[in-house]
PDB file of N, CA and C in Angstrom:
ATOM      1  N   MET A   1      55.941 -49.034 -17.772  1.00  0.00           N
ATOM      2  CA  MET A   1      56.866 -49.387 -16.720  1.00  0.00           C
ATOM      3  C   MET A   1      56.117 -50.162 -15.644  1.00  0.00           C
ATOM      4  N   MET A   2      56.734 -51.205 -15.137  1.00  0.00           N
ATOM      5  CA  MET A   2      56.144 -52.000 -14.062  1.00  0.00           C
ATOM      6  C   MET A   2      56.958 -51.766 -12.788  1.00  0.00           C
ATOM      7  N   TYR A   3      56.249 -51.692 -11.667  1.00  0.00           N
ATOM      8  CA  TYR A   3      56.867 -51.423 -10.377  1.00  0.00           C
ATOM      9  C   TYR A   3      56.641 -52.607  -9.440  1.00  0.00           C
ATOM     10  N   PRO A   4      57.648 -53.032  -8.686  1.00  0.00           N
ATOM     11  CA  PRO A   4      57.464 -54.138  -7.746  1.00  0.00           C
ATOM     12  C   PRO A   4      56.529 -53.743  -6.610  1.00  0.00           C
ATOM     13  N   TYR A   5      55.690 -54.685  -6.189  1.00  0.00           N
ATOM     14  CA  TYR A   5      54.779 -54.445  -5.068  1.00  0.00           C
ATOM     15  C   TYR A   5      55.098 -55.364  -3.897  1.00  0.00           C
ATOM     16  N   MET A   6      55.080 -56.699  -4.126  1.00  0.00           N
ATOM     17  CA  MET A   6      55.396 -57.634  -3.048  1.00  0.00           C
ATOM     18  C   MET A   6      55.738 -58.997  -3.609  1.00  0.00           C
ATOM     19  N   THR A   7      56.338 -59.835  -2.752  1.00  0.00           N
ATOM     20  CA  THR A   7      56.634 -61.225  -3.074  1.00  0.00           C
ATOM     21  C   THR A   7      55.914 -62.094  -2.067  1.00  0.00           C
ATOM     22  N   LEU A   8      55.173 -63.089  -2.562  1.00  0.00           N
ATOM     23  CA  LEU A   8      54.447 -64.013  -1.696  1.00  0.00           C
ATOM     24  C   LEU A   8      55.349 -65.170  -1.270  1.00  0.00           C
ATOM     25  N   ALA A   9      54.911 -65.950  -0.297  1.00  0.00           N
ATOM     26  CA  ALA A   9      55.706 -67.055   0.247  1.00  0.00           C
ATOM     27  C   ALA A   9      56.084 -68.098  -0.806  1.00  0.00           C
ATOM     28  N   ASP A  10      55.245 -68.291  -1.831  1.00  0.00           N
ATOM     29  CA  ASP A  10      55.543 -69.282  -2.877  1.00  0.00           C
ATOM     30  C   ASP A  10      56.415 -68.695  -3.993  1.00  0.00           C
ATOM     31  N   GLU A  11      57.012 -67.544  -3.753  1.00  0.00           N
ATOM     32  CA  GLU A  11      57.885 -66.827  -4.688  1.00  0.00           C
ATOM     33  C   GLU A  11      57.137 -66.115  -5.806  1.00  0.00           C
ATOM     34  N   THR A  12      55.817 -65.995  -5.700  1.00  0.00           N
ATOM     35  CA  THR A  12      55.069 -65.207  -6.672  1.00  0.00           C
ATOM     36  C   THR A  12      55.419 -63.738  -6.471  1.00  0.00           C
ATOM     37  N   GLU A  13      55.894 -63.121  -7.555  1.00  0.00           N
ATOM     38  CA  GLU A  13      56.210 -61.692  -7.548  1.00  0.00           C
ATOM     39  C   GLU A  13      54.986 -60.934  -8.060  1.00  0.00           C
ATOM     40  N   ILE A  14      54.646 -59.844  -7.394  1.00  0.00           N
ATOM     41  CA  ILE A  14      53.531 -59.001  -7.812  1.00  0.00           C
ATOM     42  C   ILE A  14      54.107 -57.652  -8.218  1.00  0.00           C
ATOM     43  N   VAL A  15      53.804 -57.253  -9.448  1.00  0.00           N
ATOM     44  CA  VAL A  15      54.227 -55.952  -9.955  1.00  0.00           C
ATOM     45  C   VAL A  15      53.008 -55.242 -10.543  1.00  0.00           C
ATOM     46  N   HIS A  16      53.085 -53.914 -10.642  1.00  0.00           N
ATOM     47  CA  HIS A  16      51.964 -53.145 -11.180  1.00  0.00           C
ATOM     48  C   HIS A  16      52.477 -52.046 -12.094  1.00  0.00           C
ATOM     49  N   SER A  17      51.589 -51.586 -12.951  1.00  0.00           N
ATOM     50  CA  SER A  17      51.904 -50.506 -13.876  1.00  0.00           C
ATOM     51  C   SER A  17      51.651 -49.156 -13.210  1.00  0.00           C
ATOM     52  N   GLN A  18      51.976 -48.101 -13.940  1.00  0.00           N
ATOM     53  CA  GLN A  18      51.525 -46.776 -13.558  1.00  0.00           C
ATOM     54  C   GLN A  18      50.037 -46.686 -13.917  1.00  0.00           C
ATOM     55  N   ILE A  19      49.400 -45.587 -13.609  1.00  0.00           N
ATOM     56  CA  ILE A  19      47.996 -45.402 -13.985  1.00  0.00           C
ATOM     57  C   ILE A  19      47.935 -45.132 -15.490  1.00  0.00           C
ATOM     58  N   ILE A  20      47.054 -45.871 -16.160  1.00  0.00           N
ATOM     59  CA  ILE A  20      46.901 -45.798 -17.611  1.00  0.00           C
ATOM     60  C   ILE A  20      45.521 -45.230 -17.929  1.00  0.00           C
ATOM     61  N   ASP A  21      45.448 -44.292 -18.852  1.00  0.00           N
ATOM     62  CA  ASP A  21      44.167 -43.700 -19.290  1.00  0.00           C
ATOM     63  C   ASP A  21      43.343 -43.171 -18.123  1.00  0.00           C
ATOM     64  N   GLY A  22      43.996 -42.604 -17.142  1.00  0.00           N
ATOM     65  CA  GLY A  22      43.298 -41.939 -16.049  1.00  0.00           C
ATOM     66  C   GLY A  22      42.838 -42.795 -14.899  1.00  0.00           C
ATOM     67  N   GLU A  23      42.692 -44.130 -15.085  1.00  0.00           N
ATOM     68  CA  GLU A  23      42.212 -44.943 -13.964  1.00  0.00           C
ATOM     69  C   GLU A  23      42.659 -46.401 -13.970  1.00  0.00           C
ATOM     70  N   LYS A  24      43.116 -46.928 -15.081  1.00  0.00           N
ATOM     71  CA  LYS A  24      43.435 -48.351 -15.167  1.00  0.00           C
ATOM     72  C   LYS A  24      44.856 -48.619 -14.671  1.00  0.00           C
ATOM     73  N   VAL A  25      44.997 -49.717 -13.916  1.00  0.00           N
ATOM     74  CA  VAL A  25      46.303 -50.207 -13.479  1.00  0.00           C
ATOM     75  C   VAL A  25      46.359 -51.693 -13.800  1.00  0.00           C
ATOM     76  N   ILE A  26      47.457 -52.138 -14.391  1.00  0.00           N
ATOM     77  CA  ILE A  26      47.676 -53.553 -14.686  1.00  0.00           C
ATOM     78  C   ILE A  26      48.501 -54.139 -13.543  1.00  0.00           C
ATOM     79  N   VAL A  27      48.047 -55.288 -13.015  1.00  0.00           N
ATOM     80  CA  VAL A  27      48.775 -55.975 -11.941  1.00  0.00           C
ATOM     81  C   VAL A  27      49.143 -57.356 -12.450  1.00  0.00           C
ATOM     82  N   HIS A  28      50.425 -57.681 -12.367  1.00  0.00           N
ATOM     83  CA  HIS A  28      50.949 -58.929 -12.914  1.00  0.00           C
ATOM     84  C   HIS A  28      51.507 -59.796 -11.782  1.00  0.00           C
ATOM     85  N   PHE A  29      51.128 -61.068 -11.791  1.00  0.00           N
ATOM     86  CA  PHE A  29      51.609 -62.064 -10.831  1.00  0.00           C
ATOM     87  C   PHE A  29      52.474 -63.052 -11.607  1.00  0.00           C
ATOM     88  N   GLU A  30      53.653 -63.382 -11.072  1.00  0.00           N
ATOM     89  CA  GLU A  30      54.544 -64.313 -11.776  1.00  0.00           C
ATOM     90  C   GLU A  30      55.331 -65.145 -10.768  1.00  0.00           C
ATOM     91  N   ARG A  31      55.348 -66.465 -11.009  1.00  0.00           N
ATOM     92  CA  ARG A  31      56.048 -67.407 -10.123  1.00  0.00           C
ATOM     93  C   ARG A  31      56.969 -68.280 -10.965  1.00  0.00           C
ATOM     94  N   PRO A  32      58.236 -68.421 -10.541  1.00  0.00           N
ATOM     95  CA  PRO A  32      59.151 -69.281 -11.298  1.00  0.00           C
ATOM     96  C   PRO A  32      58.760 -70.751 -11.165  1.00  0.00           C
ATOM     97  N   THR A  33      58.949 -71.504 -12.252  1.00  0.00           N
ATOM     98  CA  THR A  33      58.722 -72.947 -12.266  1.00  0.00           C
ATOM     99  C   THR A  33      59.948 -73.606 -12.897  1.00  0.00           C
ATOM    100  N   GLU A  34      59.952 -74.928 -12.937  1.00  0.00           N
ATOM    101  CA  GLU A  34      61.065 -75.642 -13.571  1.00  0.00           C
ATOM    102  C   GLU A  34      61.176 -75.328 -15.059  1.00  0.00           C
ATOM    103  N   ASN A  35      60.028 -75.035 -15.697  1.00  0.00           N
ATOM    104  CA  ASN A  35      60.001 -74.818 -17.147  1.00  0.00           C
ATOM    105  C   ASN A  35      59.740 -73.372 -17.544  1.00  0.00           C
ATOM    106  N   GLY A  36      59.871 -72.445 -16.640  1.00  0.00           N
ATOM    107  CA  GLY A  36      59.613 -71.041 -16.980  1.00  0.00           C
ATOM    108  C   GLY A  36      58.912 -70.326 -15.845  1.00  0.00           C
ATOM    109  N   PHE A  37      57.692 -69.834 -16.126  1.00  0.00           N
ATOM    110  CA  PHE A  37      56.949 -69.067 -15.138  1.00  0.00           C
ATOM    111  C   PHE A  37      55.457 -69.357 -15.243  1.00  0.00           C
ATOM    112  N   ASP A  38      54.770 -69.310 -14.094  1.00  0.00           N
ATOM    113  CA  ASP A  38      53.315 -69.200 -14.067  1.00  0.00           C
ATOM    114  C   ASP A  38      53.029 -67.711 -14.060  1.00  0.00           C
ATOM    115  N   SER A  39      51.999 -67.284 -14.798  1.00  0.00           N
ATOM    116  CA  SER A  39      51.695 -65.858 -14.906  1.00  0.00           C
ATOM    117  C   SER A  39      50.197 -65.619 -14.852  1.00  0.00           C
ATOM    118  N   ALA A  40      49.831 -64.503 -14.250  1.00  0.00           N
ATOM    119  CA  ALA A  40      48.437 -64.045 -14.252  1.00  0.00           C
ATOM    120  C   ALA A  40      48.457 -62.526 -14.290  1.00  0.00           C
ATOM    121  N   ARG A  41      47.467 -61.950 -14.976  1.00  0.00           N
ATOM    122  CA  ARG A  41      47.397 -60.502 -15.102  1.00  0.00           C
ATOM    123  C   ARG A  41      45.962 -60.042 -14.869  1.00  0.00           C
ATOM    124  N   PHE A  42      45.818 -59.027 -14.048  1.00  0.00           N
ATOM    125  CA  PHE A  42      44.526 -58.430 -13.739  1.00  0.00           C
ATOM    126  C   PHE A  42      44.536 -56.958 -14.128  1.00  0.00           C
ATOM    127  N   GLU A  43      43.336 -56.422 -14.385  1.00  0.00           N
ATOM    128  CA  GLU A  43      43.159 -54.992 -14.602  1.00  0.00           C
ATOM    129  C   GLU A  43      42.355 -54.419 -13.449  1.00  0.00           C
ATOM    130  N   LEU A  44      42.831 -53.317 -12.909  1.00  0.00           N
ATOM    131  CA  LEU A  44      42.062 -52.548 -11.943  1.00  0.00           C
ATOM    132  C   LEU A  44      41.521 -51.333 -12.687  1.00  0.00           C
ATOM    133  N   PRO A  45      40.354 -50.824 -12.388  1.00  0.00           N
ATOM    134  CA  PRO A  45      39.547 -51.075 -11.210  1.00  0.00           C
ATOM    135  C   PRO A  45      38.529 -52.203 -11.347  1.00  0.00           C
ATOM    136  N   THR A  46      38.505 -52.930 -12.463  1.00  0.00           N
ATOM    137  CA  THR A  46      37.473 -53.957 -12.676  1.00  0.00           C
ATOM    138  C   THR A  46      37.797 -55.292 -12.014  1.00  0.00           C
ATOM    139  N   TYR A  47      39.051 -55.502 -11.617  1.00  0.00           N
ATOM    140  CA  TYR A  47      39.522 -56.784 -11.068  1.00  0.00           C
ATOM    141  C   TYR A  47      39.375 -57.917 -12.082  1.00  0.00           C
ATOM    142  N   LYS A  48      39.377 -57.563 -13.354  1.00  0.00           N
ATOM    143  CA  LYS A  48      39.215 -58.547 -14.425  1.00  0.00           C
ATOM    144  C   LYS A  48      40.523 -59.302 -14.645  1.00  0.00           C
ATOM    145  N   LEU A  49      40.429 -60.637 -14.658  1.00  0.00           N
ATOM    146  CA  LEU A  49      41.564 -61.493 -14.996  1.00  0.00           C
ATOM    147  C   LEU A  49      41.676 -61.498 -16.516  1.00  0.00           C
ATOM    148  N   VAL A  50      42.773 -60.946 -17.048  1.00  0.00           N
ATOM    149  CA  VAL A  50      42.912 -60.823 -18.500  1.00  0.00           C
ATOM    150  C   VAL A  50      43.879 -61.840 -19.093  1.00  0.00           C
ATOM    151  N   PHE A  51      44.676 -62.504 -18.249  1.00  0.00           N
ATOM    152  CA  PHE A  51      45.608 -63.518 -18.727  1.00  0.00           C
ATOM    153  C   PHE A  51      45.937 -64.447 -17.571  1.00  0.00           C
ATOM    154  N   CYS A  52      45.993 -65.753 -17.852  1.00  0.00           N
ATOM    155  CA  CYS A  52      46.394 -66.711 -16.826  1.00  0.00           C
ATOM    156  C   CYS A  52      47.009 -67.932 -17.485  1.00  0.00           C
ATOM    157  N   GLU A  53      48.184 -68.297 -16.987  1.00  0.00           N
ATOM    158  CA  GLU A  53      48.853 -69.505 -17.449  1.00  0.00           C
ATOM    159  C   GLU A  53      49.583 -70.130 -16.266  1.00  0.00           C
ATOM    160  N   GLY A  54      49.136 -71.309 -15.849  1.00  0.00           N
ATOM    161  CA  GLY A  54      49.826 -72.052 -14.802  1.00  0.00           C
ATOM    162  C   GLY A  54      49.233 -71.943 -13.408  1.00  0.00           C
ATOM    163  N   TYR A  55      48.430 -70.931 -13.155  1.00  0.00           N
ATOM    164  CA  TYR A  55      47.798 -70.792 -11.846  1.00  0.00           C
ATOM    165  C   TYR A  55      46.426 -71.460 -11.850  1.00  0.00           C
ATOM    166  N   SER A  56      46.038 -72.010 -10.711  1.00  0.00           N
ATOM    167  CA  SER A  56      44.724 -72.647 -10.580  1.00  0.00           C
ATOM    168  C   SER A  56      43.641 -71.596 -10.345  1.00  0.00           C
ATOM    169  N   ARG A  57      42.399 -72.022 -10.464  1.00  0.00           N
ATOM    170  CA  ARG A  57      41.259 -71.130 -10.190  1.00  0.00           C
ATOM    171  C   ARG A  57      41.313 -70.643  -8.738  1.00  0.00           C
ATOM    172  N   GLY A  58      41.655 -71.517  -7.814  1.00  0.00           N
ATOM    173  CA  GLY A  58      41.763 -71.129  -6.413  1.00  0.00           C
ATOM    174  C   GLY A  58      42.833 -70.068  -6.203  1.00  0.00           C
ATOM    175  N   GLU A  59      43.942 -70.204  -6.901  1.00  0.00           N
ATOM    176  CA  GLU A  59      45.013 -69.209  -6.782  1.00  0.00           C
ATOM    177  C   GLU A  59      44.594 -67.865  -7.361  1.00  0.00           C
ATOM    178  N   THR A  60      43.925 -67.871  -8.517  1.00  0.00           N
ATOM    179  CA  THR A  60      43.490 -66.595  -9.089  1.00  0.00           C
ATOM    180  C   THR A  60      42.378 -65.963  -8.255  1.00  0.00           C
ATOM    181  N   ASP A  61      41.534 -66.780  -7.623  1.00  0.00           N
ATOM    182  CA  ASP A  61      40.533 -66.237  -6.694  1.00  0.00           C
ATOM    183  C   ASP A  61      41.232 -65.555  -5.513  1.00  0.00           C
ATOM    184  N   PHE A  62      42.306 -66.178  -5.011  1.00  0.00           N
ATOM    185  CA  PHE A  62      43.086 -65.568  -3.939  1.00  0.00           C
ATOM    186  C   PHE A  62      43.698 -64.249  -4.395  1.00  0.00           C
ATOM    187  N   PHE A  63      44.229 -64.214  -5.614  1.00  0.00           N
ATOM    188  CA  PHE A  63      44.828 -62.978  -6.139  1.00  0.00           C
ATOM    189  C   PHE A  63      43.785 -61.871  -6.216  1.00  0.00           C
ATOM    190  N   GLU A  64      42.584 -62.210  -6.679  1.00  0.00           N
ATOM    191  CA  GLU A  64      41.531 -61.200  -6.759  1.00  0.00           C
ATOM    192  C   GLU A  64      41.201 -60.656  -5.369  1.00  0.00           C
ATOM    193  N   LYS A  65      41.106 -61.543  -4.396  1.00  0.00           N
ATOM    194  CA  LYS A  65      40.827 -61.110  -3.017  1.00  0.00           C
ATOM    195  C   LYS A  65      41.959 -60.220  -2.505  1.00  0.00           C
ATOM    196  N   LEU A  66      43.204 -60.610  -2.772  1.00  0.00           N
ATOM    197  CA  LEU A  66      44.347 -59.803  -2.370  1.00  0.00           C
ATOM    198  C   LEU A  66      44.267 -58.419  -3.007  1.00  0.00           C
ATOM    199  N   LEU A  67      43.920 -58.356  -4.284  1.00  0.00           N
ATOM    200  CA  LEU A  67      43.798 -57.068  -4.967  1.00  0.00           C
ATOM    201  C   LEU A  67      42.692 -56.216  -4.365  1.00  0.00           C
ATOM    202  N   ARG A  68      41.566 -56.822  -4.034  1.00  0.00           N
ATOM    203  CA  ARG A  68      40.461 -56.061  -3.440  1.00  0.00           C
ATOM    204  C   ARG A  68      40.879 -55.439  -2.103  1.00  0.00           C
ATOM    205  N   HIS A  69      41.759 -56.105  -1.369  1.00  0.00           N
ATOM    206  CA  HIS A  69      42.235 -55.578  -0.087  1.00  0.00           C
ATOM    207  C   HIS A  69      43.412 -54.603  -0.242  1.00  0.00           C
ATOM    208  N   ASN A  70      44.089 -54.628  -1.380  1.00  0.00           N
ATOM    209  CA  ASN A  70      45.288 -53.813  -1.571  1.00  0.00           C
ATOM    210  C   ASN A  70      45.170 -52.764  -2.675  1.00  0.00           C
ATOM    211  N   ALA A  71      44.039 -52.679  -3.337  1.00  0.00           N
ATOM    212  CA  ALA A  71      43.896 -51.771  -4.484  1.00  0.00           C
ATOM    213  C   ALA A  71      44.216 -50.328  -4.106  1.00  0.00           C
ATOM    214  N   HIS A  72      43.795 -49.886  -2.934  1.00  0.00           N
ATOM    215  CA  HIS A  72      44.058 -48.494  -2.548  1.00  0.00           C
ATOM    216  C   HIS A  72      45.561 -48.221  -2.470  1.00  0.00           C
ATOM    217  N   LEU A  73      46.344 -49.186  -1.991  1.00  0.00           N
ATOM    218  CA  LEU A  73      47.797 -49.014  -1.930  1.00  0.00           C
ATOM    219  C   LEU A  73      48.424 -49.089  -3.320  1.00  0.00           C
ATOM    220  N   ILE A  74      47.957 -50.028  -4.129  1.00  0.00           N
ATOM    221  CA  ILE A  74      48.495 -50.156  -5.485  1.00  0.00           C
ATOM    222  C   ILE A  74      48.254 -48.869  -6.267  1.00  0.00           C
ATOM    223  N   TYR A  75      47.050 -48.284  -6.131  1.00  0.00           N
ATOM    224  CA  TYR A  75      46.782 -47.017  -6.804  1.00  0.00           C
ATOM    225  C   TYR A  75      47.683 -45.906  -6.272  1.00  0.00           C
ATOM    226  N   LYS A  76      47.891 -45.875  -4.971  1.00  0.00           N
ATOM    227  CA  LYS A  76      48.775 -44.869  -4.374  1.00  0.00           C
ATOM    228  C   LYS A  76      50.174 -44.970  -4.970  1.00  0.00           C
ATOM    229  N   TYR A  77      50.717 -46.184  -5.027  1.00  0.00           N
ATOM    230  CA  TYR A  77      52.065 -46.381  -5.557  1.00  0.00           C
ATOM    231  C   TYR A  77      52.117 -46.181  -7.069  1.00  0.00           C
ATOM    232  N   ALA A  78      51.036 -46.526  -7.776  1.00  0.00           N
ATOM    233  CA  ALA A  78      50.992 -46.321  -9.221  1.00  0.00           C
ATOM    234  C   ALA A  78      51.053 -44.824  -9.552  1.00  0.00           C
ATOM    235  N   ARG A  79      50.430 -44.005  -8.709  1.00  0.00           N
ATOM    236  CA  ARG A  79      50.440 -42.548  -8.926  1.00  0.00           C
ATOM    237  C   ARG A  79      51.830 -41.948  -8.702  1.00  0.00           C
ATOM    238  N   CYS A  80      52.584 -42.510  -7.763  1.00  0.00           N
ATOM    239  CA  CYS A  80      53.862 -41.870  -7.417  1.00  0.00           C
ATOM    240  C   CYS A  80      55.085 -42.642  -7.916  1.00  0.00           C
ATOM    241  N   GLY A  81      54.903 -43.597  -8.811  1.00  0.00           N
ATOM    242  CA  GLY A  81      56.056 -44.274  -9.411  1.00  0.00           C
ATOM    243  C   GLY A  81      56.610 -45.418  -8.611  1.00  0.00           C
ATOM    244  N   GLY A  82      55.751 -46.161  -7.936  1.00  0.00           N
ATOM    245  CA  GLY A  82      56.175 -47.349  -7.207  1.00  0.00           C
ATOM    246  C   GLY A  82      56.492 -47.083  -5.752  1.00  0.00           C
ATOM    247  N   VAL A  83      56.717 -48.167  -5.015  1.00  0.00           N
ATOM    248  CA  VAL A  83      57.071 -48.086  -3.599  1.00  0.00           C
ATOM    249  C   VAL A  83      58.471 -47.510  -3.494  1.00  0.00           C
ATOM    250  N   LYS A  84      58.635 -46.530  -2.645  1.00  0.00           N
ATOM    251  CA  LYS A  84      59.960 -45.929  -2.430  1.00  0.00           C
ATOM    252  C   LYS A  84      60.652 -46.673  -1.298  1.00  0.00           C
ATOM    253  N   ILE A  85      61.717 -47.390  -1.631  1.00  0.00           N
ATOM    254  CA  ILE A  85      62.483 -48.172  -0.640  1.00  0.00           C
ATOM    255  C   ILE A  85      63.859 -47.544  -0.517  1.00  0.00           C
ATOM    256  N   ALA A  86      64.280 -47.355   0.727  1.00  0.00           N
ATOM    257  CA  ALA A  86      65.589 -46.714   0.981  1.00  0.00           C
ATOM    258  C   ALA A  86      66.743 -47.537   0.494  1.00  0.00           C
TER     259      ALA A  86
END
């Protein structure tokens, strides 16, 4: 199951998985385009980029930096089933 985390100004949606195998969380970035979607996927806690299509190196570097600053929150929400919105 993937849970929504945030939407960036360029319409990139960020979603994350629950905790897998005790510590791993998958974080997926996706932005609509004229022909489909740009997509990137990272694994936490390693911050490893495991898939990328359509995003530039600069954009994926930004995503990694964003993850390094938000990993504690993503793990918190992954443990409790996503962000609880009223």
